[in-house]
N, C-alpha and C. Protein backbone atom coordinates (compact mmCIF):
# COMPACT_ATOMS: atom_id res chain seq x y z
N MET A 1 153.74 176.48 57.22
CA MET A 1 153.94 177.29 58.39
C MET A 1 154.14 178.66 57.97
N SER A 2 153.49 179.61 58.58
CA SER A 2 153.63 181.00 58.22
C SER A 2 154.87 181.55 59.01
N VAL A 3 155.46 182.61 58.51
CA VAL A 3 156.66 183.26 59.09
C VAL A 3 156.25 184.72 59.28
N ARG A 4 156.49 185.25 60.38
CA ARG A 4 156.22 186.68 60.68
C ARG A 4 157.49 187.41 60.99
N ALA A 5 157.74 188.53 60.31
CA ALA A 5 158.91 189.34 60.49
C ALA A 5 158.84 190.02 61.92
N ILE A 6 160.02 190.28 62.51
CA ILE A 6 160.01 190.95 63.87
C ILE A 6 159.89 192.49 63.69
N THR A 7 159.96 192.94 62.48
CA THR A 7 159.82 194.45 62.24
C THR A 7 158.66 194.61 61.29
N PRO A 8 157.81 195.53 61.49
CA PRO A 8 156.65 195.74 60.56
C PRO A 8 157.00 196.17 59.20
N ASP A 9 158.08 196.74 58.94
CA ASP A 9 158.52 197.33 57.72
C ASP A 9 159.51 196.45 56.88
N TYR A 10 159.67 195.09 57.34
CA TYR A 10 160.43 194.23 56.69
C TYR A 10 159.78 193.70 55.42
N LYS A 11 160.45 193.74 54.25
CA LYS A 11 159.87 193.33 53.07
C LYS A 11 160.93 192.50 52.35
N VAL A 12 160.49 191.39 51.82
CA VAL A 12 161.38 190.52 51.08
C VAL A 12 160.67 189.91 49.82
N GLN A 13 161.39 189.66 48.77
CA GLN A 13 160.89 189.05 47.61
C GLN A 13 161.46 187.64 47.62
N ALA A 14 160.67 186.61 47.44
CA ALA A 14 161.18 185.26 47.45
C ALA A 14 162.03 185.07 46.20
N ARG A 15 163.18 184.44 46.41
CA ARG A 15 164.13 184.19 45.29
C ARG A 15 163.73 182.93 44.54
N ASP A 16 162.84 182.03 45.02
CA ASP A 16 162.63 180.85 44.28
C ASP A 16 161.38 180.92 43.42
N ARG A 17 160.95 182.17 43.06
CA ARG A 17 159.75 182.39 42.13
C ARG A 17 160.10 181.79 40.79
N VAL A 18 159.05 181.22 40.05
CA VAL A 18 159.36 180.72 38.80
C VAL A 18 159.93 181.70 37.80
N GLU A 19 159.71 183.00 37.94
CA GLU A 19 160.29 183.95 37.07
C GLU A 19 161.82 184.03 37.11
N ASN A 20 162.39 183.44 38.10
CA ASN A 20 163.80 183.45 38.34
C ASN A 20 164.50 182.24 37.80
N PHE A 21 163.82 181.33 37.03
CA PHE A 21 164.48 180.12 36.57
C PHE A 21 164.39 180.05 35.07
N HIS A 22 164.39 181.19 34.38
CA HIS A 22 164.72 181.29 32.93
C HIS A 22 163.87 180.29 32.11
N GLY A 23 162.58 180.19 32.37
CA GLY A 23 161.74 179.34 31.57
C GLY A 23 161.58 177.99 32.17
N ASN A 24 162.39 177.61 33.10
CA ASN A 24 162.24 176.33 33.78
C ASN A 24 161.42 176.45 35.02
N GLN A 25 161.05 175.28 35.63
CA GLN A 25 160.37 175.27 36.90
C GLN A 25 161.06 174.25 37.86
N ILE A 26 161.05 174.41 39.06
CA ILE A 26 161.71 173.44 39.97
C ILE A 26 160.65 172.40 40.25
N VAL A 27 161.06 171.07 40.00
CA VAL A 27 160.31 169.84 40.39
C VAL A 27 161.13 169.09 41.21
N TYR A 28 160.56 168.67 42.38
CA TYR A 28 161.16 167.78 43.28
C TYR A 28 160.71 166.26 43.03
N VAL A 29 161.72 165.36 43.08
CA VAL A 29 161.35 164.00 42.79
C VAL A 29 161.94 163.06 43.94
N ALA A 30 161.07 162.20 44.51
CA ALA A 30 161.56 161.34 45.63
C ALA A 30 161.15 159.89 45.43
N TRP A 31 161.96 159.02 45.72
CA TRP A 31 161.69 157.53 45.58
C TRP A 31 161.38 157.08 47.03
N ASP A 32 160.09 156.78 47.28
CA ASP A 32 159.69 156.43 48.71
C ASP A 32 160.31 155.11 49.09
N HIS A 33 160.70 154.99 50.35
CA HIS A 33 161.26 153.77 51.00
C HIS A 33 162.67 153.39 50.50
N HIS A 34 163.24 154.36 49.91
CA HIS A 34 164.64 154.14 49.43
C HIS A 34 165.49 155.31 50.06
N LEU A 35 165.87 155.07 51.31
CA LEU A 35 166.45 156.06 52.14
C LEU A 35 167.93 156.29 51.86
N MET A 36 168.47 155.73 50.79
CA MET A 36 169.82 156.09 50.32
C MET A 36 169.83 157.57 49.94
N PHE A 37 168.64 157.97 49.68
CA PHE A 37 168.39 159.38 49.23
C PHE A 37 167.58 160.05 50.34
N CYS A 38 168.20 160.93 51.08
CA CYS A 38 167.57 161.51 52.29
C CYS A 38 166.51 162.56 52.00
N ALA A 39 166.47 163.05 50.80
CA ALA A 39 165.48 164.13 50.47
C ALA A 39 165.18 164.02 49.00
N PRO A 40 164.04 164.64 48.58
CA PRO A 40 163.76 164.66 47.14
C PRO A 40 164.93 165.41 46.40
N PHE A 41 165.10 165.03 45.16
CA PHE A 41 166.06 165.72 44.32
C PHE A 41 165.32 166.92 43.65
N ALA A 42 165.94 168.03 43.54
CA ALA A 42 165.29 169.23 42.92
C ALA A 42 165.89 169.40 41.47
N TYR A 43 165.04 169.46 40.57
CA TYR A 43 165.49 169.59 39.22
C TYR A 43 164.76 170.90 38.57
N ALA A 44 165.61 171.69 37.86
CA ALA A 44 165.13 172.84 37.12
C ALA A 44 164.80 172.27 35.72
N LEU A 45 163.45 172.10 35.33
CA LEU A 45 163.14 171.49 34.16
C LEU A 45 162.11 172.34 33.33
N PRO A 46 162.18 172.20 32.02
CA PRO A 46 161.29 173.01 31.20
C PRO A 46 159.85 172.35 31.38
N PRO A 47 158.76 173.17 31.42
CA PRO A 47 157.48 172.70 31.57
C PRO A 47 156.98 171.83 30.40
N THR A 48 157.67 172.03 29.31
CA THR A 48 157.34 171.28 28.10
C THR A 48 158.00 169.90 28.03
N MET A 49 158.81 169.58 28.92
CA MET A 49 159.47 168.22 29.00
C MET A 49 158.39 167.20 29.18
N THR A 50 158.56 166.07 28.42
CA THR A 50 157.58 164.93 28.68
C THR A 50 157.93 164.18 29.87
N PHE A 51 157.00 163.47 30.36
CA PHE A 51 157.16 162.60 31.52
C PHE A 51 158.22 161.50 31.19
N ALA A 52 158.11 161.03 29.97
CA ALA A 52 159.17 160.04 29.55
C ALA A 52 160.57 160.62 29.60
N GLU A 53 160.78 161.82 29.12
CA GLU A 53 162.11 162.43 29.25
C GLU A 53 162.52 162.58 30.75
N LEU A 54 161.59 162.99 31.60
CA LEU A 54 161.94 163.06 33.00
C LEU A 54 162.43 161.68 33.53
N ARG A 55 161.64 160.76 33.27
CA ARG A 55 161.81 159.38 33.83
C ARG A 55 163.13 158.70 33.19
N ASP A 56 163.24 158.83 31.93
CA ASP A 56 164.32 158.09 31.26
C ASP A 56 165.59 158.81 31.02
N GLN A 57 165.61 160.14 31.09
CA GLN A 57 166.85 160.88 30.82
C GLN A 57 167.28 161.57 32.06
N VAL A 58 166.36 162.09 32.92
CA VAL A 58 166.72 163.01 34.05
C VAL A 58 166.87 162.17 35.37
N MET A 59 165.95 161.38 35.76
CA MET A 59 165.99 160.65 36.93
C MET A 59 167.14 159.73 37.02
N PRO A 60 167.52 158.94 35.96
CA PRO A 60 168.66 158.04 36.18
C PRO A 60 170.07 158.68 36.60
N GLU A 61 170.19 159.99 36.38
CA GLU A 61 171.38 160.71 36.76
C GLU A 61 171.58 160.55 38.28
N ALA A 62 170.60 160.70 39.10
CA ALA A 62 170.64 160.61 40.50
C ALA A 62 170.28 159.23 41.08
N PHE A 63 169.10 158.79 40.70
CA PHE A 63 168.57 157.51 41.29
C PHE A 63 169.25 156.36 40.71
N GLY A 64 170.02 156.44 39.53
CA GLY A 64 170.66 155.40 39.08
C GLY A 64 171.81 154.82 39.89
N LEU A 65 172.18 155.67 40.90
CA LEU A 65 173.26 155.26 41.77
C LEU A 65 172.78 154.16 42.78
N HIS A 66 171.48 154.00 42.85
CA HIS A 66 170.95 152.89 43.69
C HIS A 66 170.92 151.66 42.93
N GLU A 67 171.40 150.58 43.59
CA GLU A 67 171.50 149.24 42.91
C GLU A 67 170.17 148.65 42.41
N GLU A 68 169.04 149.13 42.99
CA GLU A 68 167.82 148.63 42.55
C GLU A 68 167.13 149.42 41.39
N PHE A 69 167.67 150.52 41.00
CA PHE A 69 167.17 151.42 40.01
C PHE A 69 166.95 150.65 38.70
N PRO A 70 167.98 149.92 38.28
CA PRO A 70 167.78 149.15 36.99
C PRO A 70 166.58 148.02 37.08
N LYS A 71 166.26 147.69 38.29
CA LYS A 71 165.26 146.62 38.39
C LYS A 71 163.80 147.10 38.51
N ILE A 72 163.67 148.45 38.46
CA ILE A 72 162.34 149.03 38.57
C ILE A 72 161.38 148.46 37.43
N ASN A 73 160.26 148.01 37.89
CA ASN A 73 159.13 147.65 36.91
C ASN A 73 158.23 148.82 36.85
N TRP A 74 158.42 149.74 35.79
CA TRP A 74 157.63 150.95 35.66
C TRP A 74 156.21 150.70 35.49
N GLU A 75 155.77 149.47 35.12
CA GLU A 75 154.34 149.17 34.94
C GLU A 75 153.68 149.06 36.29
N THR A 76 154.31 148.67 37.27
CA THR A 76 153.73 148.52 38.64
C THR A 76 154.09 149.67 39.60
N THR A 77 154.91 150.66 39.17
CA THR A 77 155.23 151.78 39.98
C THR A 77 154.07 152.65 40.13
N THR A 78 153.84 153.15 41.33
CA THR A 78 152.80 154.11 41.62
C THR A 78 153.39 155.48 41.91
N TRP A 79 152.58 156.50 41.66
CA TRP A 79 153.03 157.83 41.72
C TRP A 79 152.16 158.67 42.55
N LEU A 80 152.78 159.76 43.19
CA LEU A 80 151.97 160.78 43.81
C LEU A 80 152.51 162.13 43.26
N LEU A 81 151.57 163.04 42.96
CA LEU A 81 151.92 164.36 42.59
C LEU A 81 151.31 165.30 43.56
N ASP A 82 152.26 166.00 44.34
CA ASP A 82 151.76 166.94 45.41
C ASP A 82 150.82 166.15 46.40
N ASN A 83 151.25 164.96 46.73
CA ASN A 83 150.54 164.10 47.71
C ASN A 83 149.23 163.55 47.34
N GLN A 84 148.91 163.59 45.92
CA GLN A 84 147.71 162.94 45.40
C GLN A 84 148.04 161.88 44.40
N PRO A 85 147.29 160.85 44.36
CA PRO A 85 147.55 159.78 43.37
C PRO A 85 147.66 160.38 42.00
N PHE A 86 148.50 159.77 41.26
CA PHE A 86 148.78 160.40 39.94
C PHE A 86 149.28 159.29 38.96
N THR A 87 148.73 159.22 37.74
CA THR A 87 149.10 158.31 36.67
C THR A 87 149.70 159.16 35.57
N PRO A 88 150.98 159.13 35.38
CA PRO A 88 151.55 159.97 34.44
C PRO A 88 151.42 159.41 32.97
N ASP A 89 151.23 160.22 32.07
CA ASP A 89 151.21 159.97 30.72
C ASP A 89 152.58 160.29 30.10
N LEU A 90 153.35 159.22 29.69
CA LEU A 90 154.73 159.43 29.21
C LEU A 90 154.88 160.42 28.10
N ASN A 91 153.87 160.58 27.30
CA ASN A 91 153.95 161.37 26.08
C ASN A 91 153.49 162.82 26.29
N GLN A 92 152.94 163.09 27.40
CA GLN A 92 152.48 164.46 27.69
C GLN A 92 153.50 165.19 28.49
N SER A 93 153.42 166.58 28.24
CA SER A 93 154.40 167.47 29.01
C SER A 93 154.05 167.46 30.50
N LEU A 94 155.12 167.86 31.20
CA LEU A 94 154.85 168.03 32.72
C LEU A 94 153.72 169.05 33.00
N LYS A 95 153.77 170.10 32.21
CA LYS A 95 152.75 171.16 32.49
C LYS A 95 151.37 170.65 32.21
N ALA A 96 151.25 169.92 31.09
CA ALA A 96 149.83 169.41 30.62
C ALA A 96 149.30 168.48 31.76
N GLN A 97 150.11 167.91 32.55
CA GLN A 97 149.69 166.92 33.59
C GLN A 97 149.57 167.55 35.04
N GLY A 98 149.78 168.82 35.00
CA GLY A 98 149.63 169.52 36.30
C GLY A 98 150.84 169.57 37.20
N VAL A 99 152.09 169.21 36.64
CA VAL A 99 153.29 169.29 37.35
C VAL A 99 153.75 170.74 37.19
N GLY A 100 153.72 171.55 38.30
CA GLY A 100 154.13 172.87 38.30
C GLY A 100 155.33 173.24 38.99
N HIS A 101 155.54 174.63 39.16
CA HIS A 101 156.77 174.97 39.83
C HIS A 101 156.67 174.56 41.32
N LYS A 102 157.63 173.88 41.77
CA LYS A 102 157.80 173.46 43.17
C LYS A 102 156.89 172.26 43.45
N SER A 103 156.29 171.54 42.35
CA SER A 103 155.65 170.36 42.61
C SER A 103 156.57 169.20 43.14
N VAL A 104 155.97 168.32 43.92
CA VAL A 104 156.69 167.12 44.37
C VAL A 104 156.06 165.92 43.78
N LEU A 105 156.93 165.15 43.02
CA LEU A 105 156.59 163.86 42.53
C LEU A 105 157.23 162.74 43.39
N ARG A 106 156.48 161.83 43.92
CA ARG A 106 156.95 160.69 44.61
C ARG A 106 156.54 159.48 43.96
N PHE A 107 157.49 158.43 43.91
CA PHE A 107 157.20 157.20 43.31
C PHE A 107 157.45 156.04 44.29
N GLN A 108 156.69 154.94 44.14
CA GLN A 108 156.80 153.83 45.02
C GLN A 108 156.94 152.59 44.03
N THR A 109 157.88 151.72 44.44
CA THR A 109 158.11 150.55 43.63
C THR A 109 157.81 149.25 44.48
N PRO A 110 156.67 148.72 44.42
CA PRO A 110 156.17 147.62 45.32
C PRO A 110 157.12 146.46 45.46
N GLU A 111 157.77 146.07 44.29
CA GLU A 111 158.54 144.85 44.32
C GLU A 111 159.96 145.15 44.98
N LEU A 112 160.31 146.35 45.10
CA LEU A 112 161.68 146.68 45.59
C LEU A 112 161.57 147.26 46.98
N THR A 113 162.39 146.82 47.89
CA THR A 113 162.25 147.02 49.36
C THR A 113 163.41 148.00 49.87
N GLY A 114 164.12 148.59 49.02
CA GLY A 114 165.21 149.47 49.55
C GLY A 114 166.50 148.75 49.65
N PHE A 115 167.56 149.42 49.96
CA PHE A 115 168.91 148.93 50.09
C PHE A 115 168.90 147.82 51.03
N GLN A 116 169.39 146.59 50.59
CA GLN A 116 169.44 145.41 51.42
C GLN A 116 168.16 145.04 52.12
N GLY A 117 167.01 145.45 51.51
CA GLY A 117 165.71 145.11 52.07
C GLY A 117 165.34 145.90 53.27
N LYS A 118 165.89 147.10 53.34
CA LYS A 118 165.59 147.96 54.56
C LYS A 118 164.75 149.08 54.22
N ALA A 119 163.51 148.79 53.69
CA ALA A 119 162.46 149.78 53.58
C ALA A 119 161.96 150.27 54.85
N VAL A 120 161.64 151.49 54.86
CA VAL A 120 161.04 152.09 56.13
C VAL A 120 159.83 152.77 55.78
């Protein structure tokens, strides 16, 4: 959605430009159908981080609060990157796989149905 200023001389620089994150980029991560988390988590991550590091070191900090997180079968987990099907390579960097500044990663766990079976 575009935004139009009410005065023609209004100028603003976006504060969330990648240049403002000291070599990091913002990456949003969401676990579909697990509404204990109302919105994607935003992480400032180095583009050189591997997907394995994201999954195994970063994501457990937040998603580990959910009782089903330890039960995830990562072999059957499906992923979306910016709303497109995505198969991550655990050994490749985020940047090498097209994960950029303000990208959204979503994952689905077919065997797990959310808190007390309440997937939506």
